[in-house]
Amino acid sequence: LVRKAWQDGSVQHYEGEGGAEGGAERLLFKTLRDGSVQYYEGESGAERVVRCERPNEQVAYYEGERGAERLTRKTWKDGTEQEF
């Protein structure tokens, strides 16, 4: 696991070999400054956001290709769900 920290306070976590700028590394998740964690799926270079867990225990789910992800559902710890 390779970790890359940014000046804005976010931290990206990669899997694989070759460096975050190229090669076989794939983005797994990104921790944002507010404590949210975005999870990614897809091949290296085509990773897309699939889920975002927020500090208030809200979870947002996304579908779509990289750059065109759209929010499809939100859930809360108390079992409440909202679909889009």
N, C-alpha and C. Protein backbone atom coordinates (compact mmCIF):
# COMPACT_ATOMS: atom_id res chain seq x y z
N LEU A 1 0.85 -1.18 0.00
CA LEU A 1 0.00 0.00 0.00
C LEU A 1 0.89 1.24 0.00
N VAL A 2 0.63 2.15 -0.93
CA VAL A 2 1.39 3.38 -1.03
C VAL A 2 0.48 4.53 -0.64
N ARG A 3 1.01 5.45 0.13
CA ARG A 3 0.24 6.57 0.65
C ARG A 3 0.80 7.86 0.05
N LYS A 4 -0.10 8.73 -0.44
CA LYS A 4 0.33 10.01 -1.00
C LYS A 4 -0.49 11.11 -0.34
N ALA A 5 0.18 12.02 0.38
CA ALA A 5 -0.48 13.13 1.07
C ALA A 5 -0.42 14.39 0.21
N TRP A 6 -1.51 15.15 0.20
CA TRP A 6 -1.61 16.38 -0.57
C TRP A 6 -1.65 17.58 0.36
N GLN A 7 -1.33 18.76 -0.16
CA GLN A 7 -1.31 19.98 0.65
C GLN A 7 -2.68 20.35 1.18
N ASP A 8 -3.75 19.92 0.52
CA ASP A 8 -5.10 20.25 0.98
C ASP A 8 -5.54 19.38 2.16
N GLY A 9 -4.66 18.48 2.62
CA GLY A 9 -4.95 17.62 3.75
C GLY A 9 -5.51 16.26 3.38
N SER A 10 -5.80 16.03 2.11
CA SER A 10 -6.29 14.72 1.69
C SER A 10 -5.13 13.74 1.54
N VAL A 11 -5.45 12.46 1.70
CA VAL A 11 -4.45 11.40 1.58
C VAL A 11 -5.01 10.30 0.69
N GLN A 12 -4.27 9.93 -0.36
CA GLN A 12 -4.68 8.88 -1.27
C GLN A 12 -3.89 7.61 -0.96
N HIS A 13 -4.57 6.47 -1.06
CA HIS A 13 -3.94 5.17 -0.79
C HIS A 13 -4.03 4.32 -2.05
N TYR A 14 -2.87 3.84 -2.50
CA TYR A 14 -2.76 3.07 -3.73
C TYR A 14 -2.32 1.65 -3.44
N GLU A 15 -2.67 0.73 -4.34
CA GLU A 15 -2.26 -0.66 -4.29
C GLU A 15 -1.47 -0.96 -5.55
N GLY A 16 -0.43 -1.75 -5.42
CA GLY A 16 0.33 -2.15 -6.60
C GLY A 16 1.73 -1.59 -6.60
N GLU A 17 2.37 -1.65 -7.76
CA GLU A 17 3.76 -1.23 -7.90
C GLU A 17 3.87 -0.19 -9.00
N GLY A 18 4.90 0.62 -8.95
CA GLY A 18 5.18 1.51 -10.06
C GLY A 18 5.00 2.99 -9.79
N GLY A 19 4.57 3.38 -8.61
CA GLY A 19 4.41 4.80 -8.32
C GLY A 19 3.05 5.31 -8.71
N ALA A 20 2.56 6.29 -7.97
CA ALA A 20 1.21 6.82 -8.18
C ALA A 20 1.07 7.54 -9.51
N GLU A 21 2.16 7.98 -10.12
CA GLU A 21 2.06 8.73 -11.38
C GLU A 21 1.91 7.84 -12.60
N GLY A 22 2.18 6.59 -12.48
CA GLY A 22 2.06 5.72 -13.65
C GLY A 22 2.37 4.29 -13.27
N GLY A 23 2.19 3.40 -14.16
CA GLY A 23 2.45 2.01 -13.87
C GLY A 23 1.21 1.30 -13.40
N ALA A 24 1.40 0.32 -12.52
CA ALA A 24 0.31 -0.57 -12.16
C ALA A 24 -0.43 -0.17 -10.89
N GLU A 25 -0.10 0.96 -10.28
CA GLU A 25 -0.79 1.32 -9.05
C GLU A 25 -2.22 1.73 -9.31
N ARG A 26 -3.08 1.37 -8.36
CA ARG A 26 -4.50 1.62 -8.48
C ARG A 26 -4.98 2.31 -7.21
N LEU A 27 -5.75 3.39 -7.37
CA LEU A 27 -6.29 4.13 -6.23
C LEU A 27 -7.36 3.29 -5.54
N LEU A 28 -7.19 3.07 -4.23
CA LEU A 28 -8.16 2.30 -3.46
C LEU A 28 -9.12 3.20 -2.70
N PHE A 29 -8.55 4.18 -1.96
CA PHE A 29 -9.40 5.09 -1.22
C PHE A 29 -8.67 6.39 -0.95
N LYS A 30 -9.47 7.41 -0.64
CA LYS A 30 -8.94 8.74 -0.39
C LYS A 30 -9.60 9.28 0.87
N THR A 31 -8.78 9.71 1.83
CA THR A 31 -9.28 10.32 3.05
C THR A 31 -9.25 11.84 2.86
N LEU A 32 -10.39 12.47 3.05
CA LEU A 32 -10.50 13.92 2.86
C LEU A 32 -10.26 14.65 4.17
N ARG A 33 -10.00 15.93 4.07
CA ARG A 33 -9.69 16.75 5.23
C ARG A 33 -10.80 16.75 6.28
N ASP A 34 -12.06 16.63 5.84
CA ASP A 34 -13.19 16.64 6.78
C ASP A 34 -13.43 15.29 7.44
N GLY A 35 -12.59 14.29 7.13
CA GLY A 35 -12.73 12.96 7.71
C GLY A 35 -13.50 11.99 6.84
N SER A 36 -14.07 12.44 5.75
CA SER A 36 -14.77 11.56 4.82
C SER A 36 -13.77 10.64 4.13
N VAL A 37 -14.23 9.44 3.76
CA VAL A 37 -13.38 8.49 3.04
C VAL A 37 -14.11 8.09 1.76
N GLN A 38 -13.47 8.33 0.61
CA GLN A 38 -14.02 7.95 -0.69
C GLN A 38 -13.34 6.65 -1.12
N TYR A 39 -14.16 5.67 -1.54
CA TYR A 39 -13.65 4.38 -2.00
C TYR A 39 -13.79 4.29 -3.51
N TYR A 40 -12.79 3.67 -4.14
CA TYR A 40 -12.71 3.60 -5.60
C TYR A 40 -12.67 2.17 -6.08
N GLU A 41 -13.17 1.93 -7.29
CA GLU A 41 -13.05 0.65 -7.98
C GLU A 41 -12.63 0.93 -9.42
N GLY A 42 -12.08 -0.08 -10.07
CA GLY A 42 -11.68 0.06 -11.46
C GLY A 42 -10.20 -0.15 -11.66
N GLU A 43 -9.82 -0.29 -12.90
CA GLU A 43 -8.43 -0.51 -13.26
C GLU A 43 -7.61 0.77 -13.05
N SER A 44 -6.31 0.62 -12.94
CA SER A 44 -5.41 1.75 -12.79
C SER A 44 -5.64 2.76 -13.92
N GLY A 45 -5.84 4.01 -13.54
CA GLY A 45 -6.10 5.06 -14.51
C GLY A 45 -7.56 5.25 -14.85
N ALA A 46 -8.40 4.31 -14.42
CA ALA A 46 -9.84 4.40 -14.69
C ALA A 46 -10.66 4.23 -13.40
N GLU A 47 -10.01 4.49 -12.26
CA GLU A 47 -10.71 4.34 -10.99
C GLU A 47 -11.89 5.31 -10.91
N ARG A 48 -12.97 4.85 -10.28
CA ARG A 48 -14.16 5.69 -10.12
C ARG A 48 -14.64 5.59 -8.68
N VAL A 49 -15.25 6.66 -8.20
CA VAL A 49 -15.80 6.68 -6.84
C VAL A 49 -17.03 5.77 -6.81
N VAL A 50 -17.09 4.87 -5.81
CA VAL A 50 -18.25 4.01 -5.66
C VAL A 50 -18.97 4.23 -4.33
N ARG A 51 -18.24 4.78 -3.35
CA ARG A 51 -18.84 4.98 -2.02
C ARG A 51 -18.09 6.08 -1.29
N CYS A 52 -18.82 6.85 -0.48
CA CYS A 52 -18.20 7.86 0.36
C CYS A 52 -18.81 7.76 1.75
N GLU A 53 -17.95 7.50 2.74
CA GLU A 53 -18.39 7.40 4.13
C GLU A 53 -18.04 8.71 4.83
N ARG A 54 -19.04 9.37 5.39
CA ARG A 54 -18.85 10.67 6.04
C ARG A 54 -18.76 10.52 7.56
N PRO A 55 -18.13 11.47 8.24
CA PRO A 55 -17.98 11.39 9.69
C PRO A 55 -19.32 11.33 10.44
N ASN A 56 -20.40 11.86 9.85
CA ASN A 56 -21.72 11.83 10.49
C ASN A 56 -22.41 10.48 10.29
N GLU A 57 -21.66 9.48 9.82
CA GLU A 57 -22.10 8.11 9.61
C GLU A 57 -23.08 7.97 8.45
N GLN A 58 -23.10 8.94 7.57
CA GLN A 58 -23.86 8.86 6.33
C GLN A 58 -22.96 8.19 5.29
N VAL A 59 -23.55 7.31 4.48
CA VAL A 59 -22.81 6.65 3.41
C VAL A 59 -23.51 6.96 2.09
N ALA A 60 -22.76 7.47 1.13
CA ALA A 60 -23.29 7.80 -0.19
C ALA A 60 -22.73 6.79 -1.19
N TYR A 61 -23.60 6.31 -2.09
CA TYR A 61 -23.21 5.32 -3.09
C TYR A 61 -23.32 5.94 -4.48
N TYR A 62 -22.35 5.62 -5.34
CA TYR A 62 -22.26 6.21 -6.67
C TYR A 62 -22.18 5.12 -7.74
N GLU A 63 -22.68 5.43 -8.93
CA GLU A 63 -22.54 4.56 -10.10
C GLU A 63 -22.07 5.41 -11.27
N GLY A 64 -21.46 4.76 -12.25
CA GLY A 64 -21.01 5.46 -13.45
C GLY A 64 -19.52 5.38 -13.64
N GLU A 65 -19.11 5.73 -14.83
CA GLU A 65 -17.69 5.71 -15.18
C GLU A 65 -16.96 6.89 -14.56
N ARG A 66 -15.65 6.79 -14.54
CA ARG A 66 -14.80 7.84 -13.99
C ARG A 66 -15.15 9.19 -14.62
N GLY A 67 -15.35 10.18 -13.77
CA GLY A 67 -15.67 11.52 -14.22
C GLY A 67 -17.15 11.74 -14.47
N ALA A 68 -17.93 10.66 -14.47
CA ALA A 68 -19.37 10.75 -14.70
C ALA A 68 -20.14 10.02 -13.59
N GLU A 69 -19.52 9.87 -12.43
CA GLU A 69 -20.18 9.20 -11.32
C GLU A 69 -21.42 10.00 -10.91
N ARG A 70 -22.47 9.28 -10.53
CA ARG A 70 -23.67 9.96 -10.06
C ARG A 70 -24.14 9.31 -8.76
N LEU A 71 -24.65 10.14 -7.87
CA LEU A 71 -25.15 9.68 -6.59
C LEU A 71 -26.43 8.87 -6.81
N THR A 72 -26.47 7.65 -6.27
CA THR A 72 -27.65 6.81 -6.45
C THR A 72 -28.41 6.57 -5.16
N ARG A 73 -27.69 6.62 -4.01
CA ARG A 73 -28.35 6.28 -2.74
C ARG A 73 -27.53 6.83 -1.58
N LYS A 74 -28.23 7.18 -0.50
CA LYS A 74 -27.59 7.54 0.76
C LYS A 74 -28.21 6.71 1.86
N THR A 75 -27.39 6.29 2.82
CA THR A 75 -27.89 5.57 3.98
C THR A 75 -27.34 6.23 5.24
N TRP A 76 -28.07 6.07 6.35
CA TRP A 76 -27.66 6.59 7.64
C TRP A 76 -27.65 5.44 8.64
N LYS A 77 -26.92 5.64 9.74
CA LYS A 77 -26.76 4.61 10.75
C LYS A 77 -28.10 4.14 11.31
N ASP A 78 -29.09 5.03 11.40
CA ASP A 78 -30.39 4.66 11.96
C ASP A 78 -31.25 3.84 10.99
N GLY A 79 -30.72 3.51 9.81
CA GLY A 79 -31.43 2.69 8.85
C GLY A 79 -32.17 3.48 7.77
N THR A 80 -32.19 4.78 7.89
CA THR A 80 -32.83 5.63 6.89
C THR A 80 -32.10 5.50 5.57
N GLU A 81 -32.84 5.43 4.46
CA GLU A 81 -32.26 5.38 3.13
C GLU A 81 -32.94 6.39 2.24
N GLN A 82 -32.17 6.96 1.33
CA GLN A 82 -32.71 7.89 0.34
C GLN A 82 -32.13 7.50 -1.01
N GLU A 83 -33.02 7.32 -2.00
CA GLU A 83 -32.58 6.95 -3.35
C GLU A 83 -32.73 8.13 -4.28
N PHE A 84 -31.85 8.18 -5.29
CA PHE A 84 -31.85 9.28 -6.26
C PHE A 84 -32.03 8.74 -7.65
